[in-house]
Amino acid sequence: MCLVLNFKKSITVIALSFLICRSGFTGETELLISAASSTTDVLKALIAQFEEYNPDVRITTNFAGSGTLLRQIERGAPVDLFFSADQLTMAQAVQQGLVQQESVYNVAENQLIVVGRTDLSYPLADLEAIAGSNVRLIAVGNPDSVPAGRYARLALEEGGLWSRVSSNLIFTQNVRQCIDYVARGEVDLAFVYATDIRAPREHVNHLLTINLSEPIVYPIGILSSSKHPEESSRFITFLRAEKAQEIIETYGFRNFFDLPR
């Protein structure tokens, strides 16, 4: 376009271009995946592999805490696939009729860990030590919207520690914010996933691995409102292929397609 458009007309053109792309007029289908923040690296790698063998499909992503993503979907976000960091949030999406129950598959498993600043002046021998007087601030995902935060609360409640450390907790919007706070020295400790430190982070040490009474399982499902259910199903089928399983494991997750739905 050679004409100089005013601001309002520019916005209209951009919006129209987006609609044309999603409607398939370009011969390319665009899928939108809303995915938990902790899947950022592995999902980008999976998408790159999928698109290489499926040139007719382009995938865009929206990363946030699983609870935040569910609220966006409830408000009508044009999502095709939902990739949650826990089964509870996915179950809520299914119960509300937002995700097709028959489309849901468990993809991967993760582990909850505690990380700390490299310059800590005290040891952390076990979870009980987290309630020690030396511990200043602890970053935890908001349990109401971030699965990692809910898992952290579960671990602390099972250890009888939640009420003892609650005044030291700093709630975050997603698990990656937690590890960033540690790296910047703004908190002493944080509850994150093992996959978050697959690549070493400067100023961050892995201190404890937490054994939970419930596994950390990541399910994916197709939105009932998706305009591209066939292509969405094709992506899930790809996730079950050997190459995708290798990628999932390379990024520190345990492949979980052998679990029942």
C-alpha atoms as a PDB file:
ATOM      1  CA  MET A   1       0.000   0.000   0.000  1.00  0.00           C
ATOM      2  CA  CYS A   2       1.452   3.309  -1.074  1.00  0.00           C
ATOM      3  CA  LEU A   3      -1.174   5.598   0.430  1.00  0.00           C
ATOM      4  CA  VAL A   4      -0.491   7.264   3.724  1.00  0.00           C
ATOM      5  CA  LEU A   5      -3.156   6.054   6.108  1.00  0.00           C
ATOM      6  CA  ASN A   6      -4.245   7.737   9.265  1.00  0.00           C
ATOM      7  CA  PHE A   7      -3.955   5.877  12.555  1.00  0.00           C
ATOM      8  CA  LYS A   8      -7.507   4.517  12.625  1.00  0.00           C
ATOM      9  CA  LYS A   9      -7.279   3.212   9.069  1.00  0.00           C
ATOM     10  CA  SER A  10      -3.942   1.566   9.855  1.00  0.00           C
ATOM     11  CA  ILE A  11      -5.465  -0.300  12.773  1.00  0.00           C
ATOM     12  CA  THR A  12      -8.329  -1.429  10.537  1.00  0.00           C
ATOM     13  CA  VAL A  13      -5.920  -2.766   7.929  1.00  0.00           C
ATOM     14  CA  ILE A  14      -3.893  -4.635  10.555  1.00  0.00           C
ATOM     15  CA  ALA A  15      -7.015  -6.193  12.049  1.00  0.00           C
ATOM     16  CA  LEU A  16      -8.297  -7.187   8.606  1.00  0.00           C
ATOM     17  CA  SER A  17      -4.952  -8.753   7.706  1.00  0.00           C
ATOM     18  CA  PHE A  18      -5.085 -10.830  10.893  1.00  0.00           C
ATOM     19  CA  LEU A  19      -8.593 -12.045  10.113  1.00  0.00           C
ATOM     20  CA  ILE A  20      -7.642 -12.925   6.550  1.00  0.00           C
ATOM     21  CA  CYS A  21      -4.663 -14.936   7.793  1.00  0.00           C
ATOM     22  CA  ARG A  22      -6.730 -16.887  10.314  1.00  0.00           C
ATOM     23  CA  SER A  23      -9.491 -17.505   7.803  1.00  0.00           C
ATOM     24  CA  GLY A  24      -7.058 -19.344   5.551  1.00  0.00           C
ATOM     25  CA  PHE A  25      -7.225 -17.063   2.496  1.00  0.00           C
ATOM     26  CA  THR A  26      -3.442 -17.263   2.262  1.00  0.00           C
ATOM     27  CA  GLY A  27      -3.535 -21.054   1.970  1.00  0.00           C
ATOM     28  CA  GLU A  28      -1.950 -21.349   5.420  1.00  0.00           C
ATOM     29  CA  THR A  29      -3.797 -22.230   8.620  1.00  0.00           C
ATOM     30  CA  GLU A  30      -2.764 -20.382  11.777  1.00  0.00           C
ATOM     31  CA  LEU A  31      -3.177 -22.099  15.131  1.00  0.00           C
ATOM     32  CA  LEU A  32      -2.917 -20.335  18.473  1.00  0.00           C
ATOM     33  CA  ILE A  33      -1.658 -22.330  21.451  1.00  0.00           C
ATOM     34  CA  SER A  34      -2.114 -20.922  24.948  1.00  0.00           C
ATOM     35  CA  ALA A  35       0.581 -22.629  27.004  1.00  0.00           C
ATOM     36  CA  ALA A  36       1.996 -22.565  30.520  1.00  0.00           C
ATOM     37  CA  SER A  37       5.102 -20.386  30.886  1.00  0.00           C
ATOM     38  CA  SER A  38       7.207 -23.383  31.865  1.00  0.00           C
ATOM     39  CA  THR A  39       6.660 -24.905  28.418  1.00  0.00           C
ATOM     40  CA  THR A  40       8.143 -21.903  26.568  1.00  0.00           C
ATOM     41  CA  ASP A  41      11.428 -23.438  25.421  1.00  0.00           C
ATOM     42  CA  VAL A  42      10.230 -26.958  24.690  1.00  0.00           C
ATOM     43  CA  LEU A  43       7.093 -25.801  22.885  1.00  0.00           C
ATOM     44  CA  LYS A  44       9.051 -23.469  20.608  1.00  0.00           C
ATOM     45  CA  ALA A  45      11.306 -26.394  19.666  1.00  0.00           C
ATOM     46  CA  LEU A  46       8.321 -28.668  19.065  1.00  0.00           C
ATOM     47  CA  ILE A  47       6.585 -26.070  16.907  1.00  0.00           C
ATOM     48  CA  ALA A  48       9.693 -25.555  14.770  1.00  0.00           C
ATOM     49  CA  GLN A  49       9.854 -29.297  14.098  1.00  0.00           C
ATOM     50  CA  PHE A  50       6.122 -29.556  13.399  1.00  0.00           C
ATOM     51  CA  GLU A  51       6.090 -26.626  10.968  1.00  0.00           C
ATOM     52  CA  GLU A  52       9.043 -28.080   9.072  1.00  0.00           C
ATOM     53  CA  TYR A  53       6.913 -31.081   8.105  1.00  0.00           C
ATOM     54  CA  ASN A  54       3.589 -29.215   7.992  1.00  0.00           C
ATOM     55  CA  PRO A  55       4.222 -26.095   5.890  1.00  0.00           C
ATOM     56  CA  ASP A  56       0.478 -25.469   5.546  1.00  0.00           C
ATOM     57  CA  VAL A  57       0.183 -24.726   9.279  1.00  0.00           C
ATOM     58  CA  ARG A  58       1.682 -21.841  11.224  1.00  0.00           C
ATOM     59  CA  ILE A  59       1.528 -21.803  15.010  1.00  0.00           C
ATOM     60  CA  THR A  60       1.584 -18.762  17.272  1.00  0.00           C
ATOM     61  CA  THR A  61       1.870 -18.959  21.050  1.00  0.00           C
ATOM     62  CA  ASN A  62       0.585 -17.185  24.135  1.00  0.00           C
ATOM     63  CA  PHE A  63       2.494 -17.987  27.347  1.00  0.00           C
ATOM     64  CA  ALA A  64       1.304 -17.255  30.887  1.00  0.00           C
ATOM     65  CA  GLY A  65       0.324 -19.010  34.104  1.00  0.00           C
ATOM     66  CA  SER A  66      -2.199 -21.778  33.434  1.00  0.00           C
ATOM     67  CA  GLY A  67      -4.912 -20.100  35.516  1.00  0.00           C
ATOM     68  CA  THR A  68      -4.432 -16.815  33.682  1.00  0.00           C
ATOM     69  CA  LEU A  69      -4.727 -18.613  30.355  1.00  0.00           C
ATOM     70  CA  LEU A  70      -7.955 -20.285  31.452  1.00  0.00           C
ATOM     71  CA  ARG A  71      -9.457 -16.908  32.367  1.00  0.00           C
ATOM     72  CA  GLN A  72      -8.495 -15.581  28.930  1.00  0.00           C
ATOM     73  CA  ILE A  73     -10.194 -18.569  27.296  1.00  0.00           C
ATOM     74  CA  GLU A  74     -13.292 -18.039  29.443  1.00  0.00           C
ATOM     75  CA  ARG A  75     -13.457 -14.479  28.092  1.00  0.00           C
ATOM     76  CA  GLY A  76     -13.396 -15.650  24.500  1.00  0.00           C
ATOM     77  CA  ALA A  77      -9.719 -15.639  23.499  1.00  0.00           C
ATOM     78  CA  PRO A  78      -9.494 -17.244  19.994  1.00  0.00           C
ATOM     79  CA  VAL A  79      -7.401 -20.198  21.132  1.00  0.00           C
ATOM     80  CA  ASP A  80      -7.094 -23.522  19.324  1.00  0.00           C
ATOM     81  CA  LEU A  81      -5.050 -25.558  21.833  1.00  0.00           C
ATOM     82  CA  PHE A  82      -4.601 -25.248  25.599  1.00  0.00           C
ATOM     83  CA  PHE A  83      -1.370 -26.644  27.110  1.00  0.00           C
ATOM     84  CA  SER A  84      -1.647 -26.569  30.911  1.00  0.00           C
ATOM     85  CA  ALA A  85       0.991 -27.196  33.576  1.00  0.00           C
ATOM     86  CA  ASP A  86      -1.473 -29.190  35.662  1.00  0.00           C
ATOM     87  CA  GLN A  87      -4.426 -31.499  35.300  1.00  0.00           C
ATOM     88  CA  LEU A  88      -6.658 -29.482  37.650  1.00  0.00           C
ATOM     89  CA  THR A  89      -6.788 -26.405  35.398  1.00  0.00           C
ATOM     90  CA  MET A  90      -7.411 -28.596  32.357  1.00  0.00           C
ATOM     91  CA  ALA A  91     -10.208 -30.390  34.205  1.00  0.00           C
ATOM     92  CA  GLN A  92     -11.821 -27.012  34.925  1.00  0.00           C
ATOM     93  CA  ALA A  93     -11.616 -26.113  31.231  1.00  0.00           C
ATOM     94  CA  VAL A  94     -13.254 -29.433  30.305  1.00  0.00           C
ATOM     95  CA  GLN A  95     -15.986 -29.065  32.947  1.00  0.00           C
ATOM     96  CA  GLN A  96     -16.887 -25.651  31.542  1.00  0.00           C
ATOM     97  CA  GLY A  97     -17.133 -27.096  28.042  1.00  0.00           C
ATOM     98  CA  LEU A  98     -14.219 -24.981  26.835  1.00  0.00           C
ATOM     99  CA  VAL A  99     -11.982 -27.935  25.914  1.00  0.00           C
ATOM    100  CA  GLN A 100     -13.104 -31.135  24.201  1.00  0.00           C
ATOM    101  CA  GLN A 101     -12.672 -33.897  26.777  1.00  0.00           C
ATOM    102  CA  GLU A 102     -11.897 -36.550  24.166  1.00  0.00           C
ATOM    103  CA  SER A 103      -9.038 -34.435  22.806  1.00  0.00           C
ATOM    104  CA  VAL A 104      -7.094 -34.169  26.071  1.00  0.00           C
ATOM    105  CA  TYR A 105      -3.797 -36.031  26.365  1.00  0.00           C
ATOM    106  CA  ASN A 106      -1.095 -36.025  29.031  1.00  0.00           C
ATOM    107  CA  VAL A 107       2.134 -34.916  27.382  1.00  0.00           C
ATOM    108  CA  ALA A 108       4.904 -34.605  29.976  1.00  0.00           C
ATOM    109  CA  GLU A 109       5.862 -34.700  33.639  1.00  0.00           C
ATOM    110  CA  ASN A 110       7.976 -32.211  35.581  1.00  0.00           C
ATOM    111  CA  GLN A 111       9.486 -31.937  39.075  1.00  0.00           C
ATOM    112  CA  LEU A 112       9.190 -29.187  41.680  1.00  0.00           C
ATOM    113  CA  ILE A 113      12.473 -27.902  43.091  1.00  0.00           C
ATOM    114  CA  VAL A 114      13.752 -25.140  45.349  1.00  0.00           C
ATOM    115  CA  VAL A 115      16.437 -22.841  44.002  1.00  0.00           C
ATOM    116  CA  GLY A 116      18.400 -20.178  45.842  1.00  0.00           C
ATOM    117  CA  ARG A 117      20.853 -17.370  45.335  1.00  0.00           C
ATOM    118  CA  THR A 118      24.455 -18.486  44.938  1.00  0.00           C
ATOM    119  CA  ASP A 119      25.558 -16.082  47.676  1.00  0.00           C
ATOM    120  CA  LEU A 120      23.302 -17.480  50.417  1.00  0.00           C
ATOM    121  CA  SER A 121      25.090 -17.502  53.764  1.00  0.00           C
ATOM    122  CA  TYR A 122      23.130 -20.467  55.139  1.00  0.00           C
ATOM    123  CA  PRO A 123      22.560 -24.081  54.037  1.00  0.00           C
ATOM    124  CA  LEU A 124      19.197 -25.567  53.107  1.00  0.00           C
ATOM    125  CA  ALA A 125      19.485 -29.202  54.094  1.00  0.00           C
ATOM    126  CA  ASP A 126      15.769 -30.017  53.809  1.00  0.00           C
ATOM    127  CA  LEU A 127      12.371 -28.400  53.339  1.00  0.00           C
ATOM    128  CA  GLU A 128      12.013 -27.829  57.082  1.00  0.00           C
ATOM    129  CA  ALA A 129      14.933 -25.394  56.897  1.00  0.00           C
ATOM    130  CA  ILE A 130      12.861 -23.093  54.712  1.00  0.00           C
ATOM    131  CA  ALA A 131      11.141 -21.907  57.893  1.00  0.00           C
ATOM    132  CA  GLY A 132      14.461 -20.922  59.461  1.00  0.00           C
ATOM    133  CA  SER A 133      15.039 -17.409  60.749  1.00  0.00           C
ATOM    134  CA  ASN A 134      17.780 -16.814  58.164  1.00  0.00           C
ATOM    135  CA  VAL A 135      15.366 -17.078  55.242  1.00  0.00           C
ATOM    136  CA  ARG A 136      14.233 -13.649  54.123  1.00  0.00           C
ATOM    137  CA  LEU A 137      11.936 -13.814  51.074  1.00  0.00           C
ATOM    138  CA  ILE A 138      10.657 -16.778  49.024  1.00  0.00           C
ATOM    139  CA  ALA A 139       9.197 -16.440  45.519  1.00  0.00           C
ATOM    140  CA  VAL A 140       6.196 -18.656  44.797  1.00  0.00           C
ATOM    141  CA  GLY A 141       3.748 -18.607  41.906  1.00  0.00           C
ATOM    142  CA  ASN A 142       0.318 -17.411  43.014  1.00  0.00           C
ATOM    143  CA  PRO A 143      -1.409 -20.671  44.029  1.00  0.00           C
ATOM    144  CA  ASP A 144      -4.740 -19.387  42.711  1.00  0.00           C
ATOM    145  CA  SER A 145      -3.497 -19.123  39.124  1.00  0.00           C
ATOM    146  CA  VAL A 146      -0.043 -20.735  38.833  1.00  0.00           C
ATOM    147  CA  PRO A 147       0.209 -24.541  39.134  1.00  0.00           C
ATOM    148  CA  ALA A 148       3.797 -24.355  40.430  1.00  0.00           C
ATOM    149  CA  GLY A 149       2.500 -22.188  43.262  1.00  0.00           C
ATOM    150  CA  ARG A 150      -0.249 -24.691  44.029  1.00  0.00           C
ATOM    151  CA  TYR A 151       2.311 -27.499  44.078  1.00  0.00           C
ATOM    152  CA  ALA A 152       4.541 -25.411  46.365  1.00  0.00           C
ATOM    153  CA  ARG A 153       1.650 -24.789  48.745  1.00  0.00           C
ATOM    154  CA  LEU A 154       0.858 -28.518  48.717  1.00  0.00           C
ATOM    155  CA  ALA A 155       4.462 -29.362  49.637  1.00  0.00           C
ATOM    156  CA  LEU A 156       4.558 -26.771  52.401  1.00  0.00           C
ATOM    157  CA  GLU A 157       1.166 -27.802  53.801  1.00  0.00           C
ATOM    158  CA  GLU A 158       2.163 -31.470  53.808  1.00  0.00           C
ATOM    159  CA  GLY A 159       5.283 -30.475  55.753  1.00  0.00           C
ATOM    160  CA  GLY A 160       3.295 -28.306  58.196  1.00  0.00           C
ATOM    161  CA  LEU A 161       5.203 -25.237  56.989  1.00  0.00           C
ATOM    162  CA  TRP A 162       2.716 -23.102  55.037  1.00  0.00           C
ATOM    163  CA  SER A 163       1.562 -20.950  57.966  1.00  0.00           C
ATOM    164  CA  ARG A 164       5.119 -20.648  59.279  1.00  0.00           C
ATOM    165  CA  VAL A 165       6.503 -19.187  56.054  1.00  0.00           C
ATOM    166  CA  SER A 166       3.460 -17.340  54.675  1.00  0.00           C
ATOM    167  CA  SER A 167       4.779 -13.929  55.777  1.00  0.00           C
ATOM    168  CA  ASN A 168       7.956 -14.536  53.736  1.00  0.00           C
ATOM    169  CA  LEU A 169       6.222 -15.441  50.491  1.00  0.00           C
ATOM    170  CA  ILE A 170       6.245 -13.232  47.411  1.00  0.00           C
ATOM    171  CA  PHE A 171       3.595 -14.335  44.899  1.00  0.00           C
ATOM    172  CA  THR A 172       4.379 -14.129  41.186  1.00  0.00           C
ATOM    173  CA  GLN A 173       2.344 -14.331  37.968  1.00  0.00           C
ATOM    174  CA  ASN A 174       4.267 -17.311  36.591  1.00  0.00           C
ATOM    175  CA  VAL A 175       7.064 -19.678  37.519  1.00  0.00           C
ATOM    176  CA  ARG A 176       9.663 -17.941  35.368  1.00  0.00           C
ATOM    177  CA  GLN A 177       9.211 -14.751  37.362  1.00  0.00           C
ATOM    178  CA  CYS A 178      10.236 -16.729  40.444  1.00  0.00           C
ATOM    179  CA  ILE A 179      13.602 -17.753  39.056  1.00  0.00           C
ATOM    180  CA  ASP A 180      14.193 -14.234  37.723  1.00  0.00           C
ATOM    181  CA  TYR A 181      13.706 -12.832  41.231  1.00  0.00           C
ATOM    182  CA  VAL A 182      16.373 -15.221  42.525  1.00  0.00           C
ATOM    183  CA  ALA A 183      18.788 -14.385  39.711  1.00  0.00           C
ATOM    184  CA  ARG A 184      18.438 -10.664  40.480  1.00  0.00           C
ATOM    185  CA  GLY A 185      18.937 -11.214  44.214  1.00  0.00           C
ATOM    186  CA  GLU A 186      15.474  -9.906  45.107  1.00  0.00           C
ATOM    187  CA  VAL A 187      14.565 -13.075  47.044  1.00  0.00           C
ATOM    188  CA  ASP A 188      16.556 -15.792  48.776  1.00  0.00           C
ATOM    189  CA  LEU A 189      14.664 -18.836  47.497  1.00  0.00           C
ATOM    190  CA  ALA A 190      12.045 -19.826  44.947  1.00  0.00           C
ATOM    191  CA  PHE A 191       9.894 -22.807  44.072  1.00  0.00           C
ATOM    192  CA  VAL A 192      10.309 -23.569  40.351  1.00  0.00           C
ATOM    193  CA  TYR A 193      10.364 -26.545  38.011  1.00  0.00           C
ATOM    194  CA  ALA A 194      13.406 -28.692  37.346  1.00  0.00           C
ATOM    195  CA  THR A 195      13.151 -27.781  33.666  1.00  0.00           C
ATOM    196  CA  ASP A 196      13.656 -24.093  34.520  1.00  0.00           C
ATOM    197  CA  ILE A 197      17.308 -24.757  35.322  1.00  0.00           C
ATOM    198  CA  ARG A 198      17.989 -27.284  32.567  1.00  0.00           C
ATOM    199  CA  ALA A 199      20.297 -24.588  31.240  1.00  0.00           C
ATOM    200  CA  PRO A 200      22.391 -23.129  34.103  1.00  0.00           C
ATOM    201  CA  ARG A 201      21.213 -19.729  35.326  1.00  0.00           C
ATOM    202  CA  GLU A 202      23.758 -17.251  36.617  1.00  0.00           C
ATOM    203  CA  HIS A 203      23.440 -16.579  40.361  1.00  0.00           C
ATOM    204  CA  VAL A 204      20.964 -19.480  40.799  1.00  0.00           C
ATOM    205  CA  ASN A 205      21.634 -22.777  42.612  1.00  0.00           C
ATOM    206  CA  HIS A 206      19.476 -25.911  42.729  1.00  0.00           C
ATOM    207  CA  LEU A 207      19.074 -26.640  46.450  1.00  0.00           C
ATOM    208  CA  LEU A 208      16.272 -29.189  46.916  1.00  0.00           C
ATOM    209  CA  THR A 209      14.100 -31.554  44.885  1.00  0.00           C
ATOM    210  CA  ILE A 210      10.584 -31.851  46.295  1.00  0.00           C
ATOM    211  CA  ASN A 211       8.744 -35.174  46.381  1.00  0.00           C
ATOM    212  CA  LEU A 212       5.039 -34.476  45.996  1.00  0.00           C
ATOM    213  CA  SER A 213       2.048 -36.688  46.702  1.00  0.00           C
ATOM    214  CA  GLU A 214       0.617 -35.806  43.268  1.00  0.00           C
ATOM    215  CA  PRO A 215       2.567 -35.872  39.991  1.00  0.00           C
ATOM    216  CA  ILE A 216       3.132 -32.706  37.952  1.00  0.00           C
ATOM    217  CA  VAL A 217       1.537 -33.655  34.645  1.00  0.00           C
ATOM    218  CA  TYR A 218       1.100 -31.392  31.594  1.00  0.00           C
ATOM    219  CA  PRO A 219      -2.026 -32.065  29.475  1.00  0.00           C
ATOM    220  CA  ILE A 220      -2.947 -30.530  26.118  1.00  0.00           C
ATOM    221  CA  GLY A 221      -6.426 -30.282  24.609  1.00  0.00           C
ATOM    222  CA  ILE A 222      -8.355 -28.749  21.723  1.00  0.00           C
ATOM    223  CA  LEU A 223     -10.733 -25.874  22.378  1.00  0.00           C
ATOM    224  CA  SER A 224     -14.393 -26.553  21.630  1.00  0.00           C
ATOM    225  CA  SER A 225     -14.462 -23.188  19.839  1.00  0.00           C
ATOM    226  CA  SER A 226     -11.430 -23.920  17.635  1.00  0.00           C
ATOM    227  CA  LYS A 227     -12.031 -23.202  13.958  1.00  0.00           C
ATOM    228  CA  HIS A 228      -9.214 -25.598  13.072  1.00  0.00           C
ATOM    229  CA  PRO A 229      -9.854 -28.859  14.968  1.00  0.00           C
ATOM    230  CA  GLU A 230      -8.267 -31.052  12.262  1.00  0.00           C
ATOM    231  CA  GLU A 231      -4.982 -29.148  12.249  1.00  0.00           C
ATOM    232  CA  SER A 232      -5.041 -28.987  16.061  1.00  0.00           C
ATOM    233  CA  SER A 233      -5.496 -32.744  16.198  1.00  0.00           C
ATOM    234  CA  ARG A 234      -2.589 -33.094  13.771  1.00  0.00           C
ATOM    235  CA  PHE A 235      -0.352 -31.217  16.204  1.00  0.00           C
ATOM    236  CA  ILE A 236      -1.333 -33.508  19.074  1.00  0.00           C
ATOM    237  CA  THR A 237      -0.661 -36.535  16.875  1.00  0.00           C
ATOM    238  CA  PHE A 238       2.775 -35.060  16.158  1.00  0.00           C
ATOM    239  CA  LEU A 239       3.439 -34.820  19.910  1.00  0.00           C
ATOM    240  CA  ARG A 240       3.058 -38.591  20.095  1.00  0.00           C
ATOM    241  CA  ALA A 241       5.714 -39.210  17.451  1.00  0.00           C
ATOM    242  CA  GLU A 242       9.166 -40.435  18.413  1.00  0.00           C
ATOM    243  CA  LYS A 243      10.888 -37.221  17.301  1.00  0.00           C
ATOM    244  CA  ALA A 244       8.607 -35.085  19.474  1.00  0.00           C
ATOM    245  CA  GLN A 245       9.138 -37.391  22.435  1.00  0.00           C
ATOM    246  CA  GLU A 246      12.890 -36.985  22.044  1.00  0.00           C
ATOM    247  CA  ILE A 247      12.534 -33.197  22.055  1.00  0.00           C
ATOM    248  CA  ILE A 248      10.356 -33.281  25.177  1.00  0.00           C
ATOM    249  CA  GLU A 249      12.947 -35.357  27.017  1.00  0.00           C
ATOM    250  CA  THR A 250      15.821 -33.200  25.754  1.00  0.00           C
ATOM    251  CA  TYR A 251      14.244 -30.239  27.535  1.00  0.00           C
ATOM    252  CA  GLY A 252      14.187 -32.049  30.858  1.00  0.00           C
ATOM    253  CA  PHE A 253      10.608 -33.301  30.895  1.00  0.00           C
ATOM    254  CA  ARG A 254       9.587 -36.926  31.188  1.00  0.00           C
ATOM    255  CA  ASN A 255       7.486 -37.960  28.223  1.00  0.00           C
ATOM    256  CA  PHE A 256       4.090 -38.949  29.540  1.00  0.00           C
ATOM    257  CA  PHE A 257       2.134 -40.266  26.572  1.00  0.00           C
ATOM    258  CA  ASP A 258       2.207 -43.708  28.171  1.00  0.00           C
ATOM    259  CA  LEU A 259      -0.145 -42.462  30.909  1.00  0.00           C
ATOM    260  CA  PRO A 260      -3.907 -42.958  30.642  1.00  0.00           C
ATOM    261  CA  ARG A 261      -5.950 -39.895  29.759  1.00  0.00           C
END
